[in-house]
Protein backbone atom coordinates (compact mmCIF):
# COMPACT_ATOMS: atom_id res chain seq x y z
CA UNK A 1 169.33 56.37 -24.38
CA UNK A 2 171.42 57.76 -26.24
CA UNK A 3 171.61 61.65 -27.20
CA UNK A 4 170.75 62.90 -30.63
CA UNK A 5 172.76 65.18 -32.43
CA UNK A 6 171.65 67.59 -35.28
CA UNK A 7 175.07 68.53 -37.34
CA UNK A 8 174.23 71.31 -39.68
CA UNK A 9 176.92 72.76 -42.15
CA UNK A 10 177.08 73.51 -45.91
CA UNK A 11 180.88 71.84 -45.83
CA UNK A 12 180.16 68.42 -46.70
CA UNK A 13 184.15 67.42 -44.97
CA UNK A 14 183.11 69.07 -41.27
CA UNK A 15 179.65 67.49 -41.50
CA UNK A 16 181.34 63.55 -42.26
CA UNK A 17 184.43 64.45 -40.01
CA UNK A 18 181.64 66.09 -36.54
CA UNK A 19 179.19 62.80 -37.76
CA UNK A 20 182.45 60.33 -37.37
CA UNK A 21 183.48 61.95 -34.12
CA UNK A 22 180.04 62.14 -32.71
CA UNK A 23 178.82 58.53 -33.35
CA UNK A 24 182.03 57.09 -32.19
CA UNK A 25 181.47 58.28 -29.83
CA UNK A 26 178.12 57.03 -28.58
CA UNK A 27 175.97 60.22 -29.93
CA UNK A 28 173.09 59.05 -32.59
CA UNK A 29 173.29 62.15 -35.36
CA UNK A 30 171.05 63.85 -37.95
CA UNK A 31 172.84 66.09 -40.25
CA UNK A 32 172.14 69.34 -42.46
CA UNK A 33 174.00 70.89 -45.30
CA UNK A 34 171.74 73.61 -45.93
CA UNK A 35 169.20 76.10 -43.44
CA UNK A 36 165.90 74.72 -45.01
CA UNK A 37 167.14 70.98 -44.44
CA UNK A 38 168.18 72.22 -40.59
CA UNK A 39 164.83 72.82 -40.06
CA UNK A 40 162.81 70.15 -41.16
CA UNK A 41 165.09 68.25 -39.35
CA UNK A 42 164.66 70.22 -36.02
CA UNK A 43 161.43 69.25 -35.82
CA UNK A 44 162.20 65.94 -34.84
CA UNK A 45 164.02 67.05 -31.83
CA UNK A 46 167.47 66.83 -31.14
CA UNK A 47 168.84 66.99 -28.05
CA UNK A 48 171.38 69.01 -29.27
CA UNK A 49 172.13 70.93 -32.33
CA UNK A 50 175.55 71.89 -33.89
CA UNK A 51 174.65 75.04 -36.26
CA UNK A 52 176.84 76.84 -38.40
CA UNK A 53 176.43 80.21 -39.30
CA UNK A 54 177.88 81.26 -42.80
CA UNK A 55 175.31 79.11 -44.83
CA UNK A 56 173.98 80.44 -48.05
CA UNK A 57 170.36 81.44 -48.75
CA UNK A 58 169.54 80.79 -44.84
CA UNK A 59 172.21 81.53 -42.51
CA UNK A 60 172.86 79.94 -39.36
CA UNK A 61 170.82 82.57 -36.81
CA UNK A 62 168.29 82.62 -39.13
CA UNK A 63 167.54 79.41 -38.88
CA UNK A 64 168.09 79.59 -34.78
CA UNK A 65 165.01 82.16 -35.14
CA UNK A 66 163.17 80.42 -37.01
CA UNK A 67 163.13 77.03 -35.39
CA UNK A 68 163.66 78.44 -31.30
CA UNK A 69 159.49 78.46 -31.34
CA UNK A 70 159.46 74.73 -31.46
CA UNK A 71 162.62 73.74 -30.41
CA UNK A 72 164.21 74.21 -26.93
CA UNK A 73 167.44 71.89 -26.68
CA UNK A 74 171.27 73.71 -27.06
CA UNK A 75 171.95 75.09 -30.31
CA UNK A 76 175.83 75.73 -30.13
CA UNK A 77 176.52 78.09 -33.51
CA UNK A 78 179.95 77.18 -35.36
CA UNK A 79 181.62 79.96 -37.18
CA UNK A 80 185.23 81.29 -38.32
CA UNK A 81 184.88 84.59 -36.29
CA UNK A 82 182.86 86.40 -33.78
CA UNK A 83 182.82 89.92 -32.18
CA UNK A 84 180.86 90.71 -29.06
CA UNK A 85 177.48 92.05 -31.10
CA UNK A 86 177.76 89.35 -33.21
CA UNK A 87 177.14 87.27 -29.78
CA UNK A 88 174.95 89.25 -28.43
CA UNK A 89 172.68 88.90 -31.36
CA UNK A 90 173.21 85.20 -31.18
CA UNK A 91 172.10 84.67 -27.94
CA UNK A 92 169.30 87.43 -28.35
CA UNK A 93 167.57 84.78 -31.07
CA UNK A 94 167.92 81.36 -28.42
CA UNK A 95 171.74 80.25 -29.02
CA UNK A 96 173.75 79.12 -26.79
CA UNK A 97 178.00 78.98 -27.33
CA UNK A 98 179.38 79.70 -30.15
CA UNK A 99 182.62 77.05 -30.87
CA UNK A 100 185.20 79.13 -33.54
CA UNK A 101 186.50 77.71 -36.72
CA UNK A 102 189.34 75.40 -36.76
CA UNK A 103 187.93 74.27 -32.83
CA UNK A 104 189.57 70.60 -31.37
CA UNK A 105 187.08 68.36 -31.66
CA UNK A 106 188.06 67.18 -27.82
CA UNK A 107 187.17 70.44 -27.11
CA UNK A 108 183.85 70.70 -29.08
CA UNK A 109 183.11 66.86 -27.49
CA UNK A 110 182.98 68.34 -24.11
CA UNK A 111 181.61 71.19 -24.77
CA UNK A 112 178.33 69.04 -26.37
CA UNK A 113 178.48 67.05 -23.27
CA UNK A 114 178.45 69.76 -20.62
CA UNK A 115 175.59 71.47 -22.35
CA UNK A 116 173.62 68.15 -22.08
CA UNK A 117 174.47 67.48 -18.67
CA UNK A 118 173.25 70.94 -17.82
CA UNK A 119 170.37 70.14 -19.45
CA UNK A 120 169.37 66.64 -17.58
CA UNK A 121 170.07 68.70 -14.62
CA UNK A 122 167.51 71.51 -15.25
CA UNK A 123 165.14 68.16 -15.69
CA UNK A 124 165.67 67.54 -12.00
CA UNK A 125 164.81 71.08 -10.24
CA UNK A 126 161.96 70.89 -8.07
CA UNK A 127 158.73 73.07 -9.72
CA UNK A 128 158.62 75.73 -8.39
CA UNK A 129 159.25 78.15 -6.44
CA UNK A 130 157.14 81.19 -4.47
CA UNK A 131 157.39 84.86 -3.27
CA UNK A 132 154.25 86.43 -2.96
CA UNK A 133 153.52 87.79 -6.09
CA UNK A 134 156.48 85.45 -8.06
CA UNK A 135 156.51 82.46 -9.25
CA UNK A 136 158.86 80.09 -11.19
CA UNK A 137 158.65 76.82 -12.39
CA UNK A 138 161.59 75.58 -12.95
CA UNK A 139 160.28 72.00 -14.72
CA UNK A 140 158.82 73.58 -17.75
CA UNK A 141 160.99 77.04 -17.58
CA UNK A 142 158.06 79.15 -17.09
CA UNK A 143 157.95 82.79 -14.63
CA UNK A 144 155.08 84.20 -13.92
CA UNK A 145 153.92 87.75 -11.70
CA UNK A 146 150.80 87.84 -10.38
CA UNK A 147 149.43 84.80 -12.02
CA UNK A 148 150.52 86.46 -15.54
CA UNK A 149 153.85 84.88 -17.58
CA UNK A 150 156.12 87.16 -18.24
CA UNK A 151 157.78 85.62 -21.99
CA UNK A 152 161.68 85.05 -21.13
CA UNK A 153 164.58 83.41 -23.92
CA UNK A 154 166.34 80.91 -22.94
CA UNK A 155 169.19 82.49 -21.65
CA UNK A 156 167.14 84.86 -19.90
CA UNK A 157 165.46 82.25 -17.89
CA UNK A 158 168.82 80.33 -17.47
CA UNK A 159 169.99 83.54 -15.36
CA UNK A 160 167.32 84.13 -13.59
CA UNK A 161 167.19 79.53 -12.75
CA UNK A 162 170.92 80.79 -11.64
CA UNK A 163 170.42 83.63 -9.33
CA UNK A 164 167.25 82.69 -7.48
CA UNK A 165 168.43 79.58 -6.62
CA UNK A 166 171.09 81.05 -4.08
CA UNK A 167 169.37 84.33 -3.17
CA UNK A 168 171.87 87.21 -1.32
CA UNK A 169 175.06 85.38 -3.04
CA UNK A 170 177.05 87.25 -5.53
CA UNK A 171 177.98 86.28 -8.68
CA UNK A 172 180.33 87.93 -11.51
CA UNK A 173 179.52 88.31 -14.46
CA UNK A 174 182.60 85.64 -15.77
CA UNK A 175 181.04 83.57 -13.43
CA UNK A 176 177.28 84.03 -14.65
CA UNK A 177 178.89 83.73 -17.87
CA UNK A 178 180.46 80.14 -17.06
CA UNK A 179 177.79 78.63 -15.45
CA UNK A 180 174.82 79.66 -17.89
CA UNK A 181 176.70 80.01 -21.16
CA UNK A 182 178.86 76.30 -20.35
CA UNK A 183 182.53 77.67 -20.39
CA UNK A 184 185.11 80.35 -18.82
CA UNK A 185 186.07 83.40 -20.53
CA UNK A 186 186.99 86.65 -19.13
CA UNK A 187 185.32 88.98 -22.11
CA UNK A 188 181.56 88.19 -22.03
CA UNK A 189 181.02 90.97 -19.80
CA UNK A 190 178.48 92.28 -22.20
CA UNK A 191 176.53 89.26 -23.10
CA UNK A 192 175.93 89.14 -19.46
CA UNK A 193 175.09 92.97 -18.54
CA UNK A 194 172.71 92.83 -22.26
CA UNK A 195 170.80 89.43 -21.15
CA UNK A 196 170.80 90.98 -17.84
CA UNK A 197 169.54 94.62 -19.00
CA UNK A 198 166.56 92.51 -20.90
CA UNK A 199 165.10 90.80 -17.84
CA UNK A 200 164.54 94.09 -16.29
CA UNK A 201 163.61 95.98 -18.86
CA UNK A 202 160.38 92.54 -19.05
CA UNK A 203 160.23 92.47 -15.40
CA UNK A 204 159.29 96.54 -15.13
CA UNK A 205 156.88 96.59 -17.49
CA UNK A 206 155.10 93.60 -15.46
CA UNK A 207 155.31 95.75 -12.50
CA UNK A 208 157.66 93.24 -10.55
CA UNK A 209 160.57 94.58 -8.43
CA UNK A 210 163.96 95.02 -9.64
CA UNK A 211 164.74 91.44 -8.39
CA UNK A 212 168.27 91.29 -9.77
CA UNK A 213 170.46 93.69 -7.98
CA UNK A 214 173.61 94.50 -8.78
CA UNK A 215 176.83 94.82 -6.48
CA UNK A 216 178.76 97.98 -8.14
CA UNK A 217 181.99 96.20 -9.27
CA UNK A 218 181.15 93.23 -8.18
CA UNK A 219 178.12 91.59 -10.01
CA UNK A 220 174.78 90.63 -10.24
CA UNK A 221 172.54 89.06 -7.13
CA UNK A 222 168.80 88.25 -6.66
CA UNK A 223 167.30 90.21 -3.72
CA UNK A 224 166.02 88.13 -0.76
């Protein structure tokens, strides 16, 4: 079965170019040229969304915020430029990656393929692993403490999934970013640190112990 990509951009030339490229590479493609159309077509459950940020009326960040409750697929933002604080905001809303314009079509295609492979691997992960009070359902992507669900954003769960799969192993911020967001970058430590902070805040609110430990000067690990 072919994967379906939703391409959202208010520039018709970009939409046409991306549509031709991905159809040539054996994807099914849906397109939208504004935020409202994107929200409507996202309800058809594409396998991945390429979402321009700078659109009139409803921008890409607002679209992401509106669809994240009913769309679980990867969302890759397209943008002319981006600063760390904007990345943190976008990731907090449920985005999975940023593609900076102008971009190479082949690099974009590789990023898309990597995110789709990652989603397929997650579907094959064993369902539940237990601590004495902690339960993680890797298939349903839910975390429970003392029987109560701890609500997590997509990337927060991705980090927990990675660290808890290798208890005691130390991961640098750069390695976490590479494995969770899909590519290597030396400038994303603030994004990882912000997600770790949010995870700890949510676990503390549930009276859970700090499962994610800091190894100072090195990175993070899941407590054994």
